[in-house]
Amino acid sequence: MTFKRVVIHSDGVSKGNPGLAAIGATIKDEQGKLIASISRRIGWATNNHAEYRAIIAALEKAIRLGARQVELNSDSELVVRQINGRYRVKKEALKPLFERVKKLQGSLESFTIRHIPRQQNKEADRLANEAL
């Protein structure tokens, strides 16, 4: 089954920053029905690295499911502003991750990313923390 339009909530966590890190994400259809979820450790990383890795994993999964339109929600204001072009990516370690997001974004018909409060991202946060 393929889904043309999906809504993603993603989160990355790092205990220690840098420290042991994990990612979590939900992918839902337009009616809010859960299509897929991601919950896994990614090793040693910073919080921002984990946030990017969560977005990348969710976008890759959504594209595999046939998504052509993505609305992505993240509680990382920095990462959202970098992806939207409001902030430059200064950290060398984040540049390849940023480029990967932009490449995935370019393969979609439409892509929006927005910053949401942590309270609105509880599912993705729970999935990331469960993986730790």
N, C-alpha and C. Protein backbone atom coordinates (compact mmCIF):
# COMPACT_ATOMS: atom_id res chain seq x y z
N MET A 1 0.84 -1.18 0.00
CA MET A 1 0.00 0.00 0.00
C MET A 1 0.88 1.24 0.00
N THR A 2 0.53 2.21 -0.83
CA THR A 2 1.30 3.44 -0.88
C THR A 2 0.46 4.61 -0.39
N PHE A 3 1.12 5.60 0.12
CA PHE A 3 0.47 6.78 0.67
C PHE A 3 1.11 8.00 0.03
N LYS A 4 0.30 8.78 -0.68
CA LYS A 4 0.85 9.94 -1.39
C LYS A 4 1.27 11.05 -0.43
N ARG A 5 0.44 11.34 0.58
CA ARG A 5 0.73 12.43 1.51
C ARG A 5 0.83 11.89 2.92
N VAL A 6 1.90 12.24 3.63
CA VAL A 6 2.09 11.77 4.99
C VAL A 6 2.48 12.92 5.92
N VAL A 7 2.24 12.69 7.19
CA VAL A 7 2.63 13.64 8.24
C VAL A 7 3.61 12.90 9.15
N ILE A 8 4.78 13.49 9.33
CA ILE A 8 5.83 12.88 10.13
C ILE A 8 6.08 13.72 11.38
N HIS A 9 6.29 13.03 12.49
CA HIS A 9 6.82 13.66 13.71
C HIS A 9 8.13 12.93 14.00
N SER A 10 9.21 13.68 14.16
CA SER A 10 10.52 13.05 14.39
C SER A 10 11.19 13.66 15.61
N ASP A 11 12.06 12.84 16.23
CA ASP A 11 12.82 13.32 17.38
C ASP A 11 14.11 12.52 17.50
N GLY A 12 15.14 13.19 17.93
CA GLY A 12 16.41 12.55 18.23
C GLY A 12 16.81 12.90 19.64
N VAL A 13 17.41 11.94 20.34
CA VAL A 13 17.84 12.19 21.72
C VAL A 13 19.28 11.74 21.89
N SER A 14 19.98 12.41 22.78
CA SER A 14 21.35 12.07 23.11
C SER A 14 21.52 12.23 24.61
N LYS A 15 21.92 11.17 25.26
CA LYS A 15 22.16 11.23 26.70
C LYS A 15 23.61 11.60 26.93
N GLY A 16 23.85 12.86 27.24
CA GLY A 16 25.20 13.34 27.49
C GLY A 16 25.61 14.42 26.52
N ASN A 17 25.11 14.40 25.32
CA ASN A 17 25.32 15.41 24.27
C ASN A 17 26.77 15.88 24.12
N PRO A 18 27.68 15.11 23.53
CA PRO A 18 27.38 13.84 22.89
C PRO A 18 27.28 12.69 23.89
N GLY A 19 26.61 11.67 23.43
CA GLY A 19 26.42 10.48 24.24
C GLY A 19 25.67 9.44 23.45
N LEU A 20 25.22 8.42 24.15
CA LEU A 20 24.42 7.38 23.49
C LEU A 20 23.17 8.04 22.94
N ALA A 21 22.88 7.80 21.67
CA ALA A 21 21.79 8.51 21.00
C ALA A 21 20.81 7.54 20.34
N ALA A 22 19.61 8.05 20.13
CA ALA A 22 18.57 7.26 19.48
C ALA A 22 17.63 8.18 18.73
N ILE A 23 16.86 7.57 17.83
CA ILE A 23 15.89 8.33 17.04
C ILE A 23 14.51 7.70 17.16
N GLY A 24 13.51 8.55 16.96
CA GLY A 24 12.13 8.09 16.95
C GLY A 24 11.34 8.92 15.96
N ALA A 25 10.35 8.28 15.34
CA ALA A 25 9.50 9.01 14.40
C ALA A 25 8.21 8.24 14.18
N THR A 26 7.17 9.01 13.88
CA THR A 26 5.91 8.42 13.45
C THR A 26 5.60 8.94 12.05
N ILE A 27 5.01 8.08 11.26
CA ILE A 27 4.55 8.45 9.92
C ILE A 27 3.08 8.11 9.86
N LYS A 28 2.26 9.14 9.61
CA LYS A 28 0.81 8.96 9.61
C LYS A 28 0.21 9.42 8.29
N ASP A 29 -0.95 8.85 7.97
CA ASP A 29 -1.65 9.31 6.77
C ASP A 29 -2.40 10.61 7.09
N GLU A 30 -3.11 11.14 6.11
CA GLU A 30 -3.78 12.43 6.29
C GLU A 30 -4.86 12.40 7.37
N GLN A 31 -5.40 11.21 7.64
CA GLN A 31 -6.44 11.08 8.67
C GLN A 31 -5.85 10.86 10.05
N GLY A 32 -4.53 10.79 10.14
CA GLY A 32 -3.88 10.61 11.43
C GLY A 32 -3.66 9.15 11.81
N LYS A 33 -3.90 8.23 10.89
CA LYS A 33 -3.69 6.81 11.16
C LYS A 33 -2.21 6.48 11.03
N LEU A 34 -1.67 5.79 12.03
CA LEU A 34 -0.26 5.42 12.03
C LEU A 34 0.03 4.43 10.90
N ILE A 35 0.99 4.78 10.07
CA ILE A 35 1.42 3.93 8.96
C ILE A 35 2.68 3.17 9.36
N ALA A 36 3.62 3.90 9.98
CA ALA A 36 4.90 3.31 10.37
C ALA A 36 5.51 4.10 11.52
N SER A 37 6.40 3.45 12.23
CA SER A 37 7.14 4.14 13.28
C SER A 37 8.59 3.67 13.24
N ILE A 38 9.45 4.52 13.81
CA ILE A 38 10.88 4.24 13.87
C ILE A 38 11.31 4.44 15.31
N SER A 39 12.09 3.51 15.81
CA SER A 39 12.61 3.59 17.17
C SER A 39 13.90 2.78 17.21
N ARG A 40 15.05 3.49 17.18
CA ARG A 40 16.30 2.72 17.20
C ARG A 40 17.48 3.57 17.70
N ARG A 41 18.46 2.85 18.26
CA ARG A 41 19.71 3.48 18.68
C ARG A 41 20.55 3.79 17.45
N ILE A 42 21.31 4.87 17.55
CA ILE A 42 22.21 5.22 16.44
C ILE A 42 23.66 5.31 16.90
N GLY A 43 23.93 4.93 18.13
CA GLY A 43 25.30 4.98 18.62
C GLY A 43 25.60 6.28 19.34
N TRP A 44 26.83 6.73 19.25
CA TRP A 44 27.31 7.93 19.94
C TRP A 44 27.10 9.14 19.05
N ALA A 45 26.38 10.15 19.53
CA ALA A 45 26.10 11.33 18.70
C ALA A 45 25.68 12.50 19.57
N THR A 46 25.70 13.69 18.96
CA THR A 46 25.14 14.87 19.63
C THR A 46 23.63 14.87 19.43
N ASN A 47 22.97 15.72 20.15
CA ASN A 47 21.52 15.84 20.01
C ASN A 47 21.14 16.31 18.61
N ASN A 48 21.84 17.30 18.07
CA ASN A 48 21.51 17.80 16.73
C ASN A 48 21.76 16.74 15.66
N HIS A 49 22.82 15.96 15.83
CA HIS A 49 23.10 14.86 14.90
C HIS A 49 21.94 13.86 14.94
N ALA A 50 21.47 13.55 16.14
CA ALA A 50 20.35 12.61 16.29
C ALA A 50 19.07 13.18 15.67
N GLU A 51 18.85 14.47 15.82
CA GLU A 51 17.66 15.09 15.22
C GLU A 51 17.69 14.94 13.70
N TYR A 52 18.84 15.22 13.09
CA TYR A 52 18.98 15.05 11.64
C TYR A 52 18.78 13.59 11.23
N ARG A 53 19.39 12.68 11.97
CA ARG A 53 19.28 11.25 11.63
C ARG A 53 17.83 10.79 11.72
N ALA A 54 17.06 11.32 12.67
CA ALA A 54 15.64 10.96 12.79
C ALA A 54 14.87 11.45 11.56
N ILE A 55 15.14 12.65 11.14
CA ILE A 55 14.47 13.22 9.96
C ILE A 55 14.82 12.40 8.72
N ILE A 56 16.09 12.07 8.55
CA ILE A 56 16.53 11.30 7.39
C ILE A 56 15.86 9.93 7.37
N ALA A 57 15.88 9.24 8.50
CA ALA A 57 15.26 7.90 8.57
C ALA A 57 13.78 7.96 8.25
N ALA A 58 13.10 8.98 8.77
CA ALA A 58 11.65 9.11 8.53
C ALA A 58 11.37 9.44 7.07
N LEU A 59 12.15 10.33 6.47
CA LEU A 59 11.95 10.66 5.06
C LEU A 59 12.22 9.45 4.16
N GLU A 60 13.29 8.72 4.45
CA GLU A 60 13.59 7.53 3.65
C GLU A 60 12.46 6.51 3.73
N LYS A 61 11.94 6.31 4.93
CA LYS A 61 10.83 5.36 5.12
C LYS A 61 9.58 5.84 4.40
N ALA A 62 9.27 7.12 4.51
CA ALA A 62 8.08 7.68 3.86
C ALA A 62 8.18 7.53 2.34
N ILE A 63 9.35 7.79 1.80
CA ILE A 63 9.55 7.66 0.35
C ILE A 63 9.39 6.21 -0.07
N ARG A 64 9.92 5.27 0.72
CA ARG A 64 9.74 3.84 0.42
C ARG A 64 8.27 3.45 0.43
N LEU A 65 7.47 4.13 1.25
CA LEU A 65 6.03 3.86 1.33
C LEU A 65 5.26 4.54 0.20
N GLY A 66 5.95 5.28 -0.63
CA GLY A 66 5.32 5.92 -1.78
C GLY A 66 4.91 7.36 -1.57
N ALA A 67 5.30 7.95 -0.46
CA ALA A 67 4.92 9.34 -0.18
C ALA A 67 5.54 10.28 -1.21
N ARG A 68 4.76 11.22 -1.67
CA ARG A 68 5.22 12.25 -2.59
C ARG A 68 5.10 13.64 -1.95
N GLN A 69 4.27 13.72 -0.91
CA GLN A 69 4.07 14.98 -0.19
C GLN A 69 4.27 14.71 1.29
N VAL A 70 5.15 15.50 1.91
CA VAL A 70 5.49 15.28 3.31
C VAL A 70 5.35 16.57 4.10
N GLU A 71 4.69 16.45 5.23
CA GLU A 71 4.66 17.51 6.25
C GLU A 71 5.43 16.96 7.43
N LEU A 72 6.57 17.55 7.76
CA LEU A 72 7.41 17.04 8.83
C LEU A 72 7.40 18.00 10.01
N ASN A 73 7.27 17.45 11.21
CA ASN A 73 7.23 18.23 12.44
C ASN A 73 8.37 17.79 13.35
N SER A 74 9.08 18.77 13.89
CA SER A 74 10.21 18.48 14.78
C SER A 74 10.24 19.52 15.89
N ASP A 75 10.70 19.09 17.07
CA ASP A 75 10.82 20.05 18.17
C ASP A 75 12.22 20.67 18.24
N SER A 76 13.05 20.42 17.23
CA SER A 76 14.38 21.02 17.17
C SER A 76 14.33 22.30 16.35
N GLU A 77 14.26 23.42 17.03
CA GLU A 77 14.18 24.71 16.34
C GLU A 77 15.40 24.95 15.46
N LEU A 78 16.58 24.60 15.95
CA LEU A 78 17.80 24.82 15.18
C LEU A 78 17.76 24.04 13.86
N VAL A 79 17.48 22.76 13.93
CA VAL A 79 17.47 21.92 12.73
C VAL A 79 16.40 22.38 11.75
N VAL A 80 15.22 22.69 12.24
CA VAL A 80 14.14 23.17 11.36
C VAL A 80 14.57 24.46 10.66
N ARG A 81 15.15 25.37 11.39
CA ARG A 81 15.58 26.64 10.79
C ARG A 81 16.73 26.44 9.80
N GLN A 82 17.59 25.48 10.06
CA GLN A 82 18.66 25.18 9.09
C GLN A 82 18.06 24.61 7.81
N ILE A 83 17.15 23.66 7.93
CA ILE A 83 16.55 23.05 6.75
C ILE A 83 15.73 24.06 5.96
N ASN A 84 15.07 24.97 6.66
CA ASN A 84 14.28 26.01 5.99
C ASN A 84 15.14 27.15 5.44
N GLY A 85 16.44 27.12 5.71
CA GLY A 85 17.33 28.14 5.16
C GLY A 85 17.43 29.40 5.98
N ARG A 86 16.86 29.41 7.17
CA ARG A 86 16.94 30.62 8.01
C ARG A 86 18.27 30.71 8.75
N TYR A 87 18.88 29.55 9.04
CA TYR A 87 20.19 29.49 9.68
C TYR A 87 21.15 28.73 8.78
N ARG A 88 22.42 29.12 8.81
CA ARG A 88 23.47 28.35 8.13
C ARG A 88 23.83 27.13 8.96
N VAL A 89 24.30 26.10 8.30
CA VAL A 89 24.83 24.92 9.00
C VAL A 89 26.32 25.17 9.18
N LYS A 90 26.72 25.46 10.41
CA LYS A 90 28.11 25.81 10.68
C LYS A 90 28.96 24.60 11.05
N LYS A 91 28.39 23.64 11.73
CA LYS A 91 29.14 22.46 12.18
C LYS A 91 29.41 21.53 11.01
N GLU A 92 30.68 21.25 10.77
CA GLU A 92 31.08 20.38 9.66
C GLU A 92 30.41 19.02 9.73
N ALA A 93 30.25 18.48 10.94
CA ALA A 93 29.68 17.15 11.11
C ALA A 93 28.21 17.09 10.69
N LEU A 94 27.53 18.24 10.69
CA LEU A 94 26.12 18.26 10.33
C LEU A 94 25.89 18.51 8.83
N LYS A 95 26.89 19.02 8.15
CA LYS A 95 26.71 19.37 6.73
C LYS A 95 26.31 18.19 5.85
N PRO A 96 26.93 17.00 5.99
CA PRO A 96 26.49 15.88 5.15
C PRO A 96 25.04 15.45 5.46
N LEU A 97 24.64 15.58 6.71
CA LEU A 97 23.26 15.23 7.09
C LEU A 97 22.28 16.23 6.50
N PHE A 98 22.64 17.50 6.56
CA PHE A 98 21.82 18.55 5.95
C PHE A 98 21.67 18.29 4.45
N GLU A 99 22.77 17.97 3.79
CA GLU A 99 22.74 17.70 2.34
C GLU A 99 21.87 16.49 2.02
N ARG A 100 21.91 15.48 2.87
CA ARG A 100 21.06 14.29 2.66
C ARG A 100 19.59 14.67 2.77
N VAL A 101 19.23 15.48 3.75
CA VAL A 101 17.84 15.93 3.89
C VAL A 101 17.42 16.69 2.64
N LYS A 102 18.28 17.59 2.16
CA LYS A 102 17.94 18.38 0.97
C LYS A 102 17.76 17.49 -0.26
N LYS A 103 18.58 16.45 -0.38
CA LYS A 103 18.44 15.52 -1.50
C LYS A 103 17.10 14.77 -1.42
N LEU A 104 16.78 14.30 -0.23
CA LEU A 104 15.49 13.60 -0.05
C LEU A 104 14.33 14.57 -0.31
N GLN A 105 14.44 15.78 0.18
CA GLN A 105 13.43 16.80 -0.03
C GLN A 105 13.21 17.03 -1.52
N GLY A 106 14.29 17.06 -2.28
CA GLY A 106 14.22 17.29 -3.72
C GLY A 106 13.53 16.19 -4.50
N SER A 107 13.42 15.00 -3.91
CA SER A 107 12.76 13.89 -4.59
C SER A 107 11.25 13.87 -4.34
N LEU A 108 10.77 14.82 -3.56
CA LEU A 108 9.34 14.89 -3.23
C LEU A 108 8.65 15.98 -4.05
N GLU A 109 7.34 15.81 -4.26
CA GLU A 109 6.54 16.85 -4.92
C GLU A 109 6.42 18.07 -4.02
N SER A 110 6.20 17.82 -2.73
CA SER A 110 6.12 18.92 -1.78
C SER A 110 6.67 18.47 -0.43
N PHE A 111 7.27 19.42 0.26
CA PHE A 111 7.89 19.16 1.55
C PHE A 111 7.79 20.41 2.40
N THR A 112 7.24 20.26 3.58
CA THR A 112 7.25 21.34 4.55
C THR A 112 7.78 20.79 5.86
N ILE A 113 8.52 21.62 6.56
CA ILE A 113 9.02 21.24 7.88
C ILE A 113 8.71 22.40 8.81
N ARG A 114 8.23 22.07 9.99
CA ARG A 114 7.92 23.14 10.93
C ARG A 114 8.34 22.74 12.33
N HIS A 115 8.66 23.76 13.09
CA HIS A 115 9.02 23.57 14.49
C HIS A 115 7.74 23.50 15.32
N ILE A 116 7.68 22.50 16.19
CA ILE A 116 6.54 22.36 17.09
C ILE A 116 7.05 22.28 18.52
N PRO A 117 6.22 22.65 19.50
CA PRO A 117 6.64 22.51 20.90
C PRO A 117 6.83 21.03 21.26
N ARG A 118 7.71 20.81 22.20
CA ARG A 118 8.01 19.44 22.66
C ARG A 118 6.73 18.68 23.06
N GLN A 119 5.76 19.38 23.65
CA GLN A 119 4.52 18.73 24.10
C GLN A 119 3.74 18.12 22.94
N GLN A 120 3.92 18.67 21.74
CA GLN A 120 3.22 18.16 20.56
C GLN A 120 4.01 17.07 19.85
N ASN A 121 5.13 16.66 20.43
CA ASN A 121 6.00 15.67 19.80
C ASN A 121 6.23 14.47 20.72
N LYS A 122 5.27 14.18 21.57
CA LYS A 122 5.45 13.16 22.60
C LYS A 122 5.64 11.75 22.05
N GLU A 123 4.93 11.40 20.98
CA GLU A 123 5.07 10.05 20.42
C GLU A 123 6.48 9.79 19.91
N ALA A 124 6.99 10.72 19.12
CA ALA A 124 8.35 10.55 18.57
C ALA A 124 9.38 10.56 19.69
N ASP A 125 9.20 11.41 20.68
CA ASP A 125 10.10 11.47 21.82
C ASP A 125 10.09 10.14 22.58
N ARG A 126 8.91 9.59 22.79
CA ARG A 126 8.79 8.31 23.49
C ARG A 126 9.51 7.21 22.72
N LEU A 127 9.33 7.17 21.40
CA LEU A 127 9.98 6.15 20.58
C LEU A 127 11.50 6.27 20.64
N ALA A 128 12.01 7.48 20.62
CA ALA A 128 13.46 7.68 20.71
C ALA A 128 13.98 7.25 22.07
N ASN A 129 13.29 7.65 23.12
CA ASN A 129 13.73 7.29 24.47
C ASN A 129 13.60 5.80 24.76
N GLU A 130 12.61 5.14 24.20
CA GLU A 130 12.47 3.70 24.35
C GLU A 130 13.65 2.96 23.74
N ALA A 131 14.16 3.49 22.64
CA ALA A 131 15.29 2.85 21.96
C ALA A 131 16.57 2.91 22.80
N LEU A 132 16.68 3.95 23.64
CA LEU A 132 17.85 4.05 24.52
C LEU A 132 17.79 3.00 25.60
